[in-house]
Amino acid sequence: MRIDDFLSTVGVIKRRTIAKELGQNGLIVVNGNKVKPAYQIRIDDVVQIKGSKPQAVQIIEIPNSSVPKDKREQFVKFISEVL
C-alpha cells in the first residue's frame, strides 16, 4: 500500500491529497529516509511526519480496505516523541 493512502486510511492524516503533498514536499520520513507518496509501506516502518503538526507512528499492520475509527489503533502505534 502506498504511504499516502495508508496515512489517510488509518486517520493519521485526514485526506490523501494532504498526505501526497507532504510526501512531494519531503515532509514524510520513513526509517530516517525522505520518501515520495508512492513509497510502499512495510510492517514495522517508523513514519515521521514533519510540518506544523509533527508526529511519528510505527506501522503495526496494513489494512486491506477502509478502517473504522474505533479500529485504527490496531494498524499504527503513535510514538509520543518525534524522532
N, C-alpha and C. Protein backbone atom coordinates (compact mmCIF):
# COMPACT_ATOMS: atom_id res chain seq x y z
N MET A 1 0.85 -1.17 0.00
CA MET A 1 0.00 0.00 0.00
C MET A 1 0.89 1.24 0.00
N ARG A 2 0.50 2.23 -0.77
CA ARG A 2 1.23 3.49 -0.82
C ARG A 2 1.15 4.21 0.53
N ILE A 3 2.20 4.94 0.86
CA ILE A 3 2.21 5.62 2.16
C ILE A 3 1.15 6.71 2.25
N ASP A 4 0.88 7.42 1.17
CA ASP A 4 -0.14 8.47 1.24
C ASP A 4 -1.53 7.86 1.47
N ASP A 5 -1.78 6.72 0.84
CA ASP A 5 -3.05 6.03 1.03
C ASP A 5 -3.16 5.48 2.45
N PHE A 6 -2.09 4.88 2.94
CA PHE A 6 -2.10 4.32 4.29
C PHE A 6 -2.37 5.40 5.34
N LEU A 7 -1.66 6.51 5.26
CA LEU A 7 -1.81 7.57 6.27
C LEU A 7 -3.23 8.12 6.31
N SER A 8 -3.89 8.21 5.17
CA SER A 8 -5.27 8.69 5.18
C SER A 8 -6.24 7.59 5.60
N THR A 9 -5.99 6.35 5.21
CA THR A 9 -6.88 5.24 5.55
C THR A 9 -6.95 5.01 7.06
N VAL A 10 -5.82 5.12 7.74
CA VAL A 10 -5.82 4.87 9.19
C VAL A 10 -5.99 6.15 10.01
N GLY A 11 -6.21 7.27 9.34
CA GLY A 11 -6.56 8.51 10.04
C GLY A 11 -5.41 9.29 10.61
N VAL A 12 -4.18 9.00 10.22
CA VAL A 12 -3.06 9.80 10.70
C VAL A 12 -3.12 11.18 10.06
N ILE A 13 -3.49 11.21 8.78
CA ILE A 13 -3.71 12.46 8.05
C ILE A 13 -5.13 12.40 7.49
N LYS A 14 -5.85 13.51 7.55
CA LYS A 14 -7.28 13.49 7.20
C LYS A 14 -7.57 13.15 5.75
N ARG A 15 -6.76 13.67 4.82
CA ARG A 15 -7.06 13.43 3.40
C ARG A 15 -5.81 12.97 2.67
N ARG A 16 -6.03 12.10 1.69
CA ARG A 16 -4.91 11.56 0.92
C ARG A 16 -4.19 12.66 0.16
N THR A 17 -4.91 13.65 -0.32
CA THR A 17 -4.26 14.74 -1.07
C THR A 17 -3.26 15.48 -0.19
N ILE A 18 -3.59 15.64 1.08
CA ILE A 18 -2.66 16.30 2.00
C ILE A 18 -1.43 15.42 2.21
N ALA A 19 -1.64 14.12 2.40
CA ALA A 19 -0.53 13.19 2.57
C ALA A 19 0.37 13.19 1.32
N LYS A 20 -0.25 13.26 0.16
CA LYS A 20 0.51 13.28 -1.09
C LYS A 20 1.36 14.55 -1.18
N GLU A 21 0.78 15.68 -0.82
CA GLU A 21 1.52 16.95 -0.84
C GLU A 21 2.69 16.92 0.14
N LEU A 22 2.47 16.37 1.33
CA LEU A 22 3.54 16.28 2.32
C LEU A 22 4.70 15.44 1.77
N GLY A 23 4.38 14.33 1.13
CA GLY A 23 5.41 13.48 0.54
C GLY A 23 6.15 14.18 -0.58
N GLN A 24 5.44 14.90 -1.43
CA GLN A 24 6.07 15.61 -2.54
C GLN A 24 6.98 16.73 -2.05
N ASN A 25 6.68 17.27 -0.87
CA ASN A 25 7.49 18.35 -0.30
C ASN A 25 8.57 17.85 0.64
N GLY A 26 8.77 16.54 0.73
CA GLY A 26 9.84 15.97 1.56
C GLY A 26 9.55 15.99 3.05
N LEU A 27 8.29 16.03 3.43
CA LEU A 27 7.94 16.10 4.85
C LEU A 27 7.53 14.76 5.46
N ILE A 28 7.65 13.68 4.70
CA ILE A 28 7.39 12.34 5.23
C ILE A 28 8.70 11.58 5.21
N VAL A 29 9.09 11.07 6.37
CA VAL A 29 10.35 10.35 6.53
C VAL A 29 10.03 8.96 7.06
N VAL A 30 10.57 7.93 6.40
CA VAL A 30 10.36 6.55 6.85
C VAL A 30 11.72 5.96 7.17
N ASN A 31 11.86 5.50 8.41
CA ASN A 31 13.12 4.89 8.87
C ASN A 31 14.33 5.78 8.58
N GLY A 32 14.14 7.10 8.73
CA GLY A 32 15.23 8.05 8.55
C GLY A 32 15.45 8.55 7.13
N ASN A 33 14.65 8.09 6.16
CA ASN A 33 14.81 8.50 4.76
C ASN A 33 13.56 9.20 4.26
N LYS A 34 13.76 10.32 3.56
CA LYS A 34 12.62 11.00 2.95
C LYS A 34 12.04 10.10 1.87
N VAL A 35 10.71 10.05 1.79
CA VAL A 35 10.06 9.19 0.80
C VAL A 35 9.04 9.97 0.00
N LYS A 36 8.74 9.47 -1.18
CA LYS A 36 7.72 10.03 -2.05
C LYS A 36 6.37 9.41 -1.70
N PRO A 37 5.26 9.99 -2.16
CA PRO A 37 3.92 9.47 -1.84
C PRO A 37 3.69 8.02 -2.30
N ALA A 38 4.42 7.56 -3.30
CA ALA A 38 4.22 6.21 -3.82
C ALA A 38 5.00 5.14 -3.06
N TYR A 39 5.74 5.54 -2.03
CA TYR A 39 6.52 4.57 -1.24
C TYR A 39 5.60 3.45 -0.73
N GLN A 40 6.02 2.21 -0.92
CA GLN A 40 5.25 1.05 -0.46
C GLN A 40 5.64 0.74 0.98
N ILE A 41 4.69 0.87 1.89
CA ILE A 41 4.97 0.68 3.31
C ILE A 41 5.17 -0.79 3.64
N ARG A 42 5.85 -1.01 4.78
CA ARG A 42 6.06 -2.35 5.31
C ARG A 42 5.78 -2.33 6.81
N ILE A 43 5.41 -3.46 7.33
CA ILE A 43 5.18 -3.58 8.77
C ILE A 43 6.49 -3.24 9.49
N ASP A 44 6.37 -2.54 10.61
CA ASP A 44 7.47 -2.07 11.46
C ASP A 44 8.17 -0.83 10.94
N ASP A 45 7.75 -0.26 9.80
CA ASP A 45 8.29 1.03 9.37
C ASP A 45 7.94 2.08 10.41
N VAL A 46 8.88 2.99 10.67
CA VAL A 46 8.61 4.13 11.54
C VAL A 46 8.48 5.35 10.63
N VAL A 47 7.30 5.96 10.67
CA VAL A 47 6.98 7.09 9.79
C VAL A 47 6.95 8.37 10.61
N GLN A 48 7.72 9.36 10.17
CA GLN A 48 7.71 10.68 10.79
C GLN A 48 7.07 11.65 9.83
N ILE A 49 6.16 12.44 10.34
CA ILE A 49 5.50 13.46 9.53
C ILE A 49 5.94 14.80 10.10
N LYS A 50 6.59 15.57 9.27
CA LYS A 50 7.09 16.88 9.70
C LYS A 50 6.11 17.95 9.24
N GLY A 51 6.27 19.13 9.74
CA GLY A 51 5.39 20.22 9.36
C GLY A 51 4.82 20.89 10.58
N SER A 52 3.63 21.50 10.44
CA SER A 52 3.04 22.25 11.55
C SER A 52 2.57 21.36 12.69
N LYS A 53 2.23 20.11 12.39
CA LYS A 53 1.80 19.17 13.43
C LYS A 53 2.66 17.90 13.33
N PRO A 54 3.93 17.97 13.75
CA PRO A 54 4.79 16.81 13.61
C PRO A 54 4.32 15.64 14.49
N GLN A 55 4.46 14.45 13.95
CA GLN A 55 4.12 13.25 14.69
C GLN A 55 4.89 12.07 14.13
N ALA A 56 4.94 11.00 14.89
CA ALA A 56 5.62 9.79 14.45
C ALA A 56 4.75 8.59 14.79
N VAL A 57 4.71 7.63 13.87
CA VAL A 57 3.94 6.40 14.08
C VAL A 57 4.75 5.20 13.61
N GLN A 58 4.45 4.06 14.21
CA GLN A 58 5.03 2.81 13.75
C GLN A 58 3.91 1.99 13.13
N ILE A 59 4.17 1.40 11.98
CA ILE A 59 3.17 0.60 11.28
C ILE A 59 3.13 -0.79 11.89
N ILE A 60 1.96 -1.18 12.37
CA ILE A 60 1.78 -2.48 13.00
C ILE A 60 1.18 -3.48 12.03
N GLU A 61 0.21 -3.02 11.25
CA GLU A 61 -0.49 -3.89 10.31
C GLU A 61 -0.93 -3.05 9.13
N ILE A 62 -1.11 -3.68 7.97
CA ILE A 62 -1.53 -2.98 6.76
C ILE A 62 -2.97 -3.39 6.44
N PRO A 63 -3.90 -2.42 6.38
CA PRO A 63 -5.30 -2.76 6.12
C PRO A 63 -5.54 -3.13 4.66
N ASN A 64 -6.58 -3.94 4.44
CA ASN A 64 -6.98 -4.31 3.08
C ASN A 64 -8.04 -3.38 2.51
N SER A 65 -8.73 -2.65 3.39
CA SER A 65 -9.78 -1.74 2.96
C SER A 65 -9.88 -0.61 3.97
N SER A 66 -10.95 0.18 3.90
CA SER A 66 -11.10 1.29 4.82
C SER A 66 -11.18 0.79 6.26
N VAL A 67 -10.80 1.66 7.18
CA VAL A 67 -10.70 1.29 8.59
C VAL A 67 -11.63 2.17 9.42
N PRO A 68 -12.55 1.57 10.21
CA PRO A 68 -13.40 2.36 11.09
C PRO A 68 -12.55 3.06 12.17
N LYS A 69 -13.02 4.20 12.64
CA LYS A 69 -12.27 4.98 13.62
C LYS A 69 -11.89 4.17 14.86
N ASP A 70 -12.78 3.32 15.32
CA ASP A 70 -12.51 2.57 16.55
C ASP A 70 -11.52 1.42 16.35
N LYS A 71 -11.10 1.14 15.13
CA LYS A 71 -10.16 0.04 14.85
C LYS A 71 -8.78 0.55 14.43
N ARG A 72 -8.58 1.85 14.36
CA ARG A 72 -7.34 2.41 13.84
C ARG A 72 -6.11 2.06 14.68
N GLU A 73 -6.29 1.85 15.98
CA GLU A 73 -5.14 1.57 16.85
C GLU A 73 -4.47 0.25 16.52
N GLN A 74 -5.16 -0.66 15.85
CA GLN A 74 -4.54 -1.94 15.53
C GLN A 74 -3.61 -1.85 14.31
N PHE A 75 -3.60 -0.72 13.63
CA PHE A 75 -2.75 -0.57 12.44
C PHE A 75 -1.54 0.32 12.67
N VAL A 76 -1.63 1.28 13.60
CA VAL A 76 -0.50 2.16 13.89
C VAL A 76 -0.33 2.34 15.39
N LYS A 77 0.92 2.54 15.76
CA LYS A 77 1.24 2.87 17.16
C LYS A 77 1.82 4.28 17.14
N PHE A 78 1.17 5.19 17.83
CA PHE A 78 1.65 6.55 17.89
C PHE A 78 2.83 6.63 18.84
N ILE A 79 3.91 7.22 18.38
CA ILE A 79 5.12 7.39 19.18
C ILE A 79 5.06 8.80 19.76
N SER A 80 5.20 8.90 21.07
CA SER A 80 4.99 10.19 21.74
C SER A 80 5.99 11.24 21.31
N GLU A 81 7.21 10.85 21.01
CA GLU A 81 8.22 11.82 20.62
C GLU A 81 8.44 11.75 19.12
N VAL A 82 8.62 12.88 18.51
CA VAL A 82 9.02 12.90 17.11
C VAL A 82 10.52 12.70 17.11
N LEU A 83 10.97 11.71 16.39
CA LEU A 83 12.40 11.32 16.40
C LEU A 83 13.26 12.31 15.66
